[in-house]
C-alpha cells in the first residue's frame, strides 16, 4: 500500500474515532459509520482552525493530538447543530 492510501485510511480512522466519541458525549449514541466519519472529519477542520486561530498552538502531535483536536471540533459542531435544531 502506498503512503497516500495509508494517509487516507488514517484520516478516516481519526474521523471515525473522534466523531463517535463526540456523538456519544453530545447525543448519547453514535451516528453510524458514515455519520461519525463525516462529523469527525468536519470536526477536525473546525478544531484545527480554532486551536490555530485562538490558541496559536496545536493540542499535540501524532495521532492522539489529532484525535483530540478532531474530537473538540466535532463536539462544537454537534452542539451547534443541536442548538439550531431545538429552536
C-alpha atoms as a PDB file:
ATOM      1  CA  UNK A   1       0.000   0.000   0.000  1.00  0.00           C
ATOM      2  CA  UNK A   2       1.422   3.384  -0.869  1.00  0.00           C
ATOM      3  CA  UNK A   3       1.741   6.280   1.551  1.00  0.00           C
ATOM      4  CA  UNK A   4      -1.148   8.258   0.065  1.00  0.00           C
ATOM      5  CA  UNK A   5      -3.638   5.429   0.569  1.00  0.00           C
ATOM      6  CA  UNK A   6      -2.344   4.848   4.085  1.00  0.00           C
ATOM      7  CA  UNK A   7      -2.776   8.568   4.834  1.00  0.00           C
ATOM      8  CA  UNK A   8      -6.421   8.453   3.745  1.00  0.00           C
ATOM      9  CA  UNK A   9      -7.051   5.395   5.909  1.00  0.00           C
ATOM     10  CA  UNK A  10      -5.545   7.195   8.902  1.00  0.00           C
ATOM     11  CA  UNK A  11      -7.691  10.309   8.224  1.00  0.00           C
ATOM     12  CA  UNK A  12     -10.808   8.143   8.099  1.00  0.00           C
ATOM     13  CA  UNK A  13      -9.854   6.312  11.293  1.00  0.00           C
ATOM     14  CA  UNK A  14      -9.228   9.570  13.153  1.00  0.00           C
ATOM     15  CA  UNK A  15     -12.542  10.948  11.876  1.00  0.00           C
ATOM     16  CA  UNK A  16     -14.378   7.800  12.929  1.00  0.00           C
ATOM     17  CA  UNK A  17     -12.908   7.766  16.439  1.00  0.00           C
ATOM     18  CA  UNK A  18     -13.401  11.496  17.046  1.00  0.00           C
ATOM     19  CA  UNK A  19     -16.898  11.547  15.538  1.00  0.00           C
ATOM     20  CA  UNK A  20     -18.002   8.520  17.524  1.00  0.00           C
ATOM     21  CA  UNK A  21     -16.691   9.902  20.809  1.00  0.00           C
ATOM     22  CA  UNK A  22     -18.231  13.332  20.168  1.00  0.00           C
ATOM     23  CA  UNK A  23     -21.603  11.854  19.230  1.00  0.00           C
ATOM     24  CA  UNK A  24     -21.585   9.777  22.425  1.00  0.00           C
ATOM     25  CA  UNK A  25     -20.807  12.890  24.500  1.00  0.00           C
ATOM     26  CA  UNK A  26     -23.359  15.166  22.814  1.00  0.00           C
ATOM     27  CA  UNK A  27     -26.142  12.831  21.700  1.00  0.00           C
ATOM     28  CA  UNK A  28     -25.637   9.781  23.921  1.00  0.00           C
ATOM     29  CA  UNK A  29     -25.309   7.459  20.912  1.00  0.00           C
ATOM     30  CA  UNK A  30     -23.286   7.098  17.740  1.00  0.00           C
ATOM     31  CA  UNK A  31     -24.399   8.396  14.354  1.00  0.00           C
ATOM     32  CA  UNK A  32     -23.442   5.325  12.354  1.00  0.00           C
ATOM     33  CA  UNK A  33     -20.212   4.648  10.500  1.00  0.00           C
ATOM     34  CA  UNK A  34     -20.553   7.284   7.785  1.00  0.00           C
ATOM     35  CA  UNK A  35     -22.115   9.887  10.103  1.00  0.00           C
ATOM     36  CA  UNK A  36     -19.334   9.514  12.672  1.00  0.00           C
ATOM     37  CA  UNK A  37     -16.633   9.768   9.995  1.00  0.00           C
ATOM     38  CA  UNK A  38     -18.194  12.900   8.456  1.00  0.00           C
ATOM     39  CA  UNK A  39     -18.669  14.582  11.846  1.00  0.00           C
ATOM     40  CA  UNK A  40     -15.113  13.671  12.842  1.00  0.00           C
ATOM     41  CA  UNK A  41     -13.544  14.997   9.649  1.00  0.00           C
ATOM     42  CA  UNK A  42     -15.522  18.248   9.752  1.00  0.00           C
ATOM     43  CA  UNK A  43     -14.705  18.446  13.458  1.00  0.00           C
ATOM     44  CA  UNK A  44     -11.002  18.096  12.653  1.00  0.00           C
ATOM     45  CA  UNK A  45     -11.204  21.088  10.331  1.00  0.00           C
ATOM     46  CA  UNK A  46     -13.108  23.136  12.921  1.00  0.00           C
ATOM     47  CA  UNK A  47     -10.839  22.072  15.776  1.00  0.00           C
ATOM     48  CA  UNK A  48      -7.667  22.733  13.801  1.00  0.00           C
ATOM     49  CA  UNK A  49      -8.896  26.174  12.817  1.00  0.00           C
ATOM     50  CA  UNK A  50      -9.997  27.066  16.365  1.00  0.00           C
ATOM     51  CA  UNK A  51      -6.814  25.872  18.025  1.00  0.00           C
ATOM     52  CA  UNK A  52      -4.699  27.645  15.424  1.00  0.00           C
ATOM     53  CA  UNK A  53      -6.688  30.887  15.459  1.00  0.00           C
ATOM     54  CA  UNK A  54      -7.311  31.341  19.161  1.00  0.00           C
ATOM     55  CA  UNK A  55      -4.593  29.405  20.934  1.00  0.00           C
ATOM     56  CA  UNK A  56      -1.847  29.739  18.305  1.00  0.00           C
ATOM     57  CA  UNK A  57      -0.899  26.165  19.080  1.00  0.00           C
ATOM     58  CA  UNK A  58      -1.908  22.586  18.500  1.00  0.00           C
ATOM     59  CA  UNK A  59      -3.110  20.121  21.108  1.00  0.00           C
ATOM     60  CA  UNK A  60      -0.160  17.864  20.428  1.00  0.00           C
ATOM     61  CA  UNK A  61       1.457  15.868  17.740  1.00  0.00           C
ATOM     62  CA  UNK A  62       0.716  12.427  16.477  1.00  0.00           C
ATOM     63  CA  UNK A  63      -2.493  10.500  16.296  1.00  0.00           C
ATOM     64  CA  UNK A  64      -3.649  11.267  19.860  1.00  0.00           C
ATOM     65  CA  UNK A  65      -3.315  15.016  19.302  1.00  0.00           C
ATOM     66  CA  UNK A  66      -5.185  14.721  16.009  1.00  0.00           C
ATOM     67  CA  UNK A  67      -7.991  12.757  17.655  1.00  0.00           C
ATOM     68  CA  UNK A  68      -8.266  15.305  20.490  1.00  0.00           C
ATOM     69  CA  UNK A  69      -8.362  18.203  18.047  1.00  0.00           C
ATOM     70  CA  UNK A  70     -10.976  16.491  15.875  1.00  0.00           C
ATOM     71  CA  UNK A  71     -12.989  15.498  18.973  1.00  0.00           C
ATOM     72  CA  UNK A  72     -13.088  19.100  20.252  1.00  0.00           C
ATOM     73  CA  UNK A  73     -14.211  20.397  16.872  1.00  0.00           C
ATOM     74  CA  UNK A  74     -16.791  17.628  16.492  1.00  0.00           C
ATOM     75  CA  UNK A  75     -18.298  18.377  19.914  1.00  0.00           C
ATOM     76  CA  UNK A  76     -18.593  22.040  18.946  1.00  0.00           C
ATOM     77  CA  UNK A  77     -20.167  21.085  15.599  1.00  0.00           C
ATOM     78  CA  UNK A  78     -22.716  18.746  17.191  1.00  0.00           C
ATOM     79  CA  UNK A  79     -23.560  21.289  19.917  1.00  0.00           C
ATOM     80  CA  UNK A  80     -24.257  23.941  17.283  1.00  0.00           C
ATOM     81  CA  UNK A  81     -26.399  21.519  15.246  1.00  0.00           C
ATOM     82  CA  UNK A  82     -28.310  20.516  18.377  1.00  0.00           C
ATOM     83  CA  UNK A  83     -28.916  24.173  19.325  1.00  0.00           C
ATOM     84  CA  UNK A  84     -30.114  25.080  15.829  1.00  0.00           C
ATOM     85  CA  UNK A  85     -32.472  22.105  15.604  1.00  0.00           C
ATOM     86  CA  UNK A  86     -34.037  22.738  19.011  1.00  0.00           C
ATOM     87  CA  UNK A  87     -35.054  26.301  18.137  1.00  0.00           C
END
